[in-house]
C-alpha cells in the first residue's frame, strides 16, 4: 500500500504558493502603510528637506 502520510508529491508547489501569497500579503500591507496620510506627509517632508538648499 501507498503511505500517504509520507508522500511529498506537490509539496514544492504548495511551498511556492505559500511564499507567493505571503509576499503578496506583505506587499499589500506596505502599500496600505505608504498611502496613509501620515506616512505620505512624512515622506513628502523628508523629500522636500533633502532637496532644499
PDB file of N, CA and C in Angstrom:
ATOM      1  N   UNK A   1       0.824  -1.186   0.000  1.00  0.00           N
ATOM      2  CA  UNK A   1       0.000   0.000   0.000  1.00  0.00           C
ATOM      3  C   UNK A   1       0.872   1.255   0.000  1.00  0.00           C
ATOM      4  N   UNK A   2       0.294   2.286  -0.496  1.00  0.00           N
ATOM      5  CA  UNK A   2       0.987   3.573  -0.569  1.00  0.00           C
ATOM      6  C   UNK A   2       0.828   4.302   0.756  1.00  0.00           C
ATOM      7  N   UNK A   3       1.900   4.806   1.292  1.00  0.00           N
ATOM      8  CA  UNK A   3       1.850   5.505   2.575  1.00  0.00           C
ATOM      9  C   UNK A   3       1.607   6.988   2.324  1.00  0.00           C
ATOM     10  N   UNK A   4       0.375   7.429   2.527  1.00  0.00           N
ATOM     11  CA  UNK A   4       0.004   8.805   2.229  1.00  0.00           C
ATOM     12  C   UNK A   4       0.579   9.811   3.227  1.00  0.00           C
ATOM     13  N   UNK A   5       0.953   9.358   4.403  1.00  0.00           N
ATOM     14  CA  UNK A   5       1.495  10.283   5.394  1.00  0.00           C
ATOM     15  C   UNK A   5       2.894  10.757   5.033  1.00  0.00           C
ATOM     16  N   UNK A   6       3.611   9.970   4.246  1.00  0.00           N
ATOM     17  CA  UNK A   6       4.985  10.329   3.895  1.00  0.00           C
ATOM     18  C   UNK A   6       5.127  10.702   2.425  1.00  0.00           C
ATOM     19  N   UNK A   7       4.009  10.883   1.743  1.00  0.00           N
ATOM     20  CA  UNK A   7       4.035  11.258   0.325  1.00  0.00           C
ATOM     21  C   UNK A   7       4.259  12.761   0.216  1.00  0.00           C
ATOM     22  N   UNK A   8       5.331  13.157  -0.449  1.00  0.00           N
ATOM     23  CA  UNK A   8       5.665  14.575  -0.571  1.00  0.00           C
ATOM     24  C   UNK A   8       5.366  15.119  -1.963  1.00  0.00           C
ATOM     25  N   UNK A   9       4.540  14.414  -2.716  1.00  0.00           N
ATOM     26  CA  UNK A   9       4.186  14.874  -4.055  1.00  0.00           C
ATOM     27  C   UNK A   9       3.444  16.200  -3.949  1.00  0.00           C
ATOM     28  N   UNK A  10       3.915  17.190  -4.667  1.00  0.00           N
ATOM     29  CA  UNK A  10       3.271  18.500  -4.676  1.00  0.00           C
ATOM     30  C   UNK A  10       3.696  19.422  -3.559  1.00  0.00           C
ATOM     31  N   UNK A  11       4.609  18.984  -2.690  1.00  0.00           N
ATOM     32  CA  UNK A  11       4.994  19.833  -1.564  1.00  0.00           C
ATOM     33  C   UNK A  11       5.735  21.085  -2.023  1.00  0.00           C
ATOM     34  N   UNK A  12       6.509  20.971  -3.085  1.00  0.00           N
ATOM     35  CA  UNK A  12       7.229  22.143  -3.589  1.00  0.00           C
ATOM     36  C   UNK A  12       6.243  23.168  -4.132  1.00  0.00           C
ATOM     37  N   UNK A  13       5.220  22.712  -4.818  1.00  0.00           N
ATOM     38  CA  UNK A  13       4.206  23.623  -5.352  1.00  0.00           C
ATOM     39  C   UNK A  13       3.466  24.342  -4.229  1.00  0.00           C
ATOM     40  N   UNK A  14       3.164  23.632  -3.173  1.00  0.00           N
ATOM     41  CA  UNK A  14       2.473  24.238  -2.032  1.00  0.00           C
ATOM     42  C   UNK A  14       3.377  25.266  -1.359  1.00  0.00           C
ATOM     43  N   UNK A  15       4.645  24.931  -1.182  1.00  0.00           N
ATOM     44  CA  UNK A  15       5.579  25.873  -0.567  1.00  0.00           C
ATOM     45  C   UNK A  15       5.720  27.126  -1.426  1.00  0.00           C
ATOM     46  N   UNK A  16       5.789  26.948  -2.738  1.00  0.00           N
ATOM     47  CA  UNK A  16       5.889  28.091  -3.641  1.00  0.00           C
ATOM     48  C   UNK A  16       4.636  28.956  -3.538  1.00  0.00           C
ATOM     49  N   UNK A  17       3.478  28.332  -3.527  1.00  0.00           N
ATOM     50  CA  UNK A  17       2.221  29.077  -3.431  1.00  0.00           C
ATOM     51  C   UNK A  17       2.136  29.849  -2.123  1.00  0.00           C
ATOM     52  N   UNK A  18       2.571  29.243  -1.020  1.00  0.00           N
ATOM     53  CA  UNK A  18       2.549  29.934   0.268  1.00  0.00           C
ATOM     54  C   UNK A  18       3.507  31.123   0.275  1.00  0.00           C
ATOM     55  N   UNK A  19       4.667  30.973  -0.338  1.00  0.00           N
ATOM     56  CA  UNK A  19       5.622  32.093  -0.422  1.00  0.00           C
ATOM     57  C   UNK A  19       5.056  33.229  -1.254  1.00  0.00           C
ATOM     58  N   UNK A  20       4.422  32.900  -2.360  1.00  0.00           N
ATOM     59  CA  UNK A  20       3.833  33.933  -3.215  1.00  0.00           C
ATOM     60  C   UNK A  20       2.700  34.645  -2.484  1.00  0.00           C
ATOM     61  N   UNK A  21       1.863  33.893  -1.781  1.00  0.00           N
ATOM     62  CA  UNK A  21       0.762  34.511  -1.034  1.00  0.00           C
ATOM     63  C   UNK A  21       1.298  35.385   0.100  1.00  0.00           C
ATOM     64  N   UNK A  22       2.351  34.937   0.758  1.00  0.00           N
ATOM     65  CA  UNK A  22       2.952  35.742   1.819  1.00  0.00           C
ATOM     66  C   UNK A  22       3.552  37.034   1.288  1.00  0.00           C
ATOM     67  N   UNK A  23       4.205  36.943   0.142  1.00  0.00           N
ATOM     68  CA  UNK A  23       4.790  38.145  -0.469  1.00  0.00           C
ATOM     69  C   UNK A  23       3.699  39.114  -0.903  1.00  0.00           C
ATOM     70  N   UNK A  24       2.613  38.596  -1.447  1.00  0.00           N
ATOM     71  CA  UNK A  24       1.502  39.457  -1.859  1.00  0.00           C
ATOM     72  C   UNK A  24       0.867  40.137  -0.643  1.00  0.00           C
ATOM     73  N   UNK A  25       0.724  39.405   0.437  1.00  0.00           N
ATOM     74  CA  UNK A  25       0.172  39.985   1.660  1.00  0.00           C
ATOM     75  C   UNK A  25       1.080  41.079   2.205  1.00  0.00           C
ATOM     76  N   UNK A  26       2.380  40.813   2.240  1.00  0.00           N
ATOM     77  CA  UNK A  26       3.330  41.815   2.718  1.00  0.00           C
ATOM     78  C   UNK A  26       3.305  43.055   1.824  1.00  0.00           C
ATOM     79  N   UNK A  27       3.241  42.848   0.517  1.00  0.00           N
ATOM     80  CA  UNK A  27       3.154  43.975  -0.406  1.00  0.00           C
ATOM     81  C   UNK A  27       1.905  44.795  -0.185  1.00  0.00           C
ATOM     82  N   UNK A  28       0.786  44.130   0.051  1.00  0.00           N
ATOM     83  CA  UNK A  28      -0.464  44.843   0.314  1.00  0.00           C
ATOM     84  C   UNK A  28      -0.396  45.666   1.589  1.00  0.00           C
ATOM     85  N   UNK A  29       0.209  45.104   2.618  1.00  0.00           N
ATOM     86  CA  UNK A  29       0.354  45.837   3.879  1.00  0.00           C
ATOM     87  C   UNK A  29       1.256  47.049   3.683  1.00  0.00           C
ATOM     88  N   UNK A  30       2.363  46.872   2.966  1.00  0.00           N
ATOM     89  CA  UNK A  30       3.272  48.003   2.729  1.00  0.00           C
ATOM     90  C   UNK A  30       2.604  49.105   1.913  1.00  0.00           C
ATOM     91  N   UNK A  31       1.825  48.716   0.914  1.00  0.00           N
ATOM     92  CA  UNK A  31       1.113  49.721   0.116  1.00  0.00           C
ATOM     93  C   UNK A  31       0.102  50.462   0.988  1.00  0.00           C
ATOM     94  N   UNK A  32      -0.618  49.738   1.828  1.00  0.00           N
ATOM     95  CA  UNK A  32      -1.591  50.378   2.717  1.00  0.00           C
ATOM     96  C   UNK A  32      -0.911  51.367   3.657  1.00  0.00           C
ATOM     97  N   UNK A  33       0.279  51.005   4.138  1.00  0.00           N
ATOM     98  CA  UNK A  33       1.012  51.907   5.031  1.00  0.00           C
ATOM     99  C   UNK A  33       1.494  53.138   4.269  1.00  0.00           C
ATOM    100  N   UNK A  34       2.039  52.916   3.074  1.00  0.00           N
ATOM    101  CA  UNK A  34       2.626  54.030   2.330  1.00  0.00           C
ATOM    102  C   UNK A  34       1.592  55.023   1.806  1.00  0.00           C
ATOM    103  N   UNK A  35       0.356  54.587   1.575  1.00  0.00           N
ATOM    104  CA  UNK A  35      -0.646  55.529   1.067  1.00  0.00           C
ATOM    105  C   UNK A  35      -1.423  56.200   2.196  1.00  0.00           C
ATOM    106  N   UNK A  36      -1.093  55.864   3.442  1.00  0.00           N
ATOM    107  CA  UNK A  36      -1.759  56.535   4.558  1.00  0.00           C
ATOM    108  C   UNK A  36      -1.296  57.995   4.598  1.00  0.00           C
ATOM    109  N   UNK A  37      -2.155  58.850   5.120  1.00  0.00           N
ATOM    110  CA  UNK A  37      -1.872  60.284   5.128  1.00  0.00           C
ATOM    111  C   UNK A  37      -0.639  60.643   5.946  1.00  0.00           C
ATOM    112  N   UNK A  38      -0.472  60.018   7.105  1.00  0.00           N
ATOM    113  CA  UNK A  38       0.660  60.357   7.962  1.00  0.00           C
ATOM    114  C   UNK A  38       1.984  59.979   7.323  1.00  0.00           C
ATOM    115  N   UNK A  39       2.065  58.796   6.762  1.00  0.00           N
ATOM    116  CA  UNK A  39       3.314  58.351   6.135  1.00  0.00           C
ATOM    117  C   UNK A  39       3.583  59.168   4.879  1.00  0.00           C
ATOM    118  N   UNK A  40       2.542  59.447   4.116  1.00  0.00           N
ATOM    119  CA  UNK A  40       2.710  60.252   2.911  1.00  0.00           C
ATOM    120  C   UNK A  40       3.239  61.643   3.251  1.00  0.00           C
ATOM    121  N   UNK A  41       2.697  62.250   4.291  1.00  0.00           N
ATOM    122  CA  UNK A  41       3.163  63.569   4.712  1.00  0.00           C
ATOM    123  C   UNK A  41       4.607  63.510   5.190  1.00  0.00           C
ATOM    124  N   UNK A  42       4.955  62.482   5.934  1.00  0.00           N
ATOM    125  CA  UNK A  42       6.326  62.349   6.436  1.00  0.00           C
ATOM    126  C   UNK A  42       7.306  62.151   5.290  1.00  0.00           C
ATOM    127  N   UNK A  43       6.949  61.301   4.319  1.00  0.00           N
ATOM    128  CA  UNK A  43       7.834  61.085   3.168  1.00  0.00           C
ATOM    129  C   UNK A  43       7.976  62.356   2.335  1.00  0.00           C
ATOM    130  N   UNK A  44       6.891  63.076   2.165  1.00  0.00           N
ATOM    131  CA  UNK A  44       6.951  64.332   1.412  1.00  0.00           C
ATOM    132  C   UNK A  44       7.869  65.325   2.113  1.00  0.00           C
ATOM    133  N   UNK A  45       7.760  65.423   3.441  1.00  0.00           N
ATOM    134  CA  UNK A  45       8.624  66.333   4.205  1.00  0.00           C
ATOM    135  C   UNK A  45      10.087  65.923   4.074  1.00  0.00           C
ATOM    136  N   UNK A  46      10.361  64.631   4.147  1.00  0.00           N
ATOM    137  CA  UNK A  46      11.749  64.156   4.020  1.00  0.00           C
ATOM    138  C   UNK A  46      12.315  64.506   2.647  1.00  0.00           C
ATOM    139  N   UNK A  47      11.521  64.314   1.605  1.00  0.00           N
ATOM    140  CA  UNK A  47      11.980  64.603   0.240  1.00  0.00           C
ATOM    141  C   UNK A  47      12.192  66.103   0.061  1.00  0.00           C
ATOM    142  N   UNK A  48      11.263  66.899   0.550  1.00  0.00           N
ATOM    143  CA  UNK A  48      11.401  68.359   0.424  1.00  0.00           C
ATOM    144  C   UNK A  48      12.625  68.843   1.195  1.00  0.00           C
ATOM    145  N   UNK A  49      12.823  68.323   2.413  1.00  0.00           N
ATOM    146  CA  UNK A  49      14.002  68.716   3.200  1.00  0.00           C
ATOM    147  C   UNK A  49      15.306  68.297   2.517  1.00  0.00           C
ATOM    148  N   UNK A  50      15.290  67.126   1.884  1.00  0.00           N
ATOM    149  CA  UNK A  50      16.501  66.642   1.223  1.00  0.00           C
ATOM    150  C   UNK A  50      16.835  67.467  -0.018  1.00  0.00           C
ATOM    151  N   UNK A  51      15.813  67.970  -0.702  1.00  0.00           N
ATOM    152  CA  UNK A  51      16.047  68.724  -1.933  1.00  0.00           C
ATOM    153  C   UNK A  51      16.207  70.221  -1.701  1.00  0.00           C
ATOM    154  N   UNK A  52      15.928  70.677  -0.486  1.00  0.00           N
ATOM    155  CA  UNK A  52      16.062  72.099  -0.180  1.00  0.00           C
ATOM    156  C   UNK A  52      17.533  72.448  -0.008  1.00  0.00           C
ATOM    157  N   UNK A  53      17.928  73.639  -0.488  1.00  0.00           N
ATOM    158  CA  UNK A  53      19.328  74.051  -0.305  1.00  0.00           C
ATOM    159  C   UNK A  53      19.625  74.472   1.116  1.00  0.00           C
TER     160      UNK A  53
END
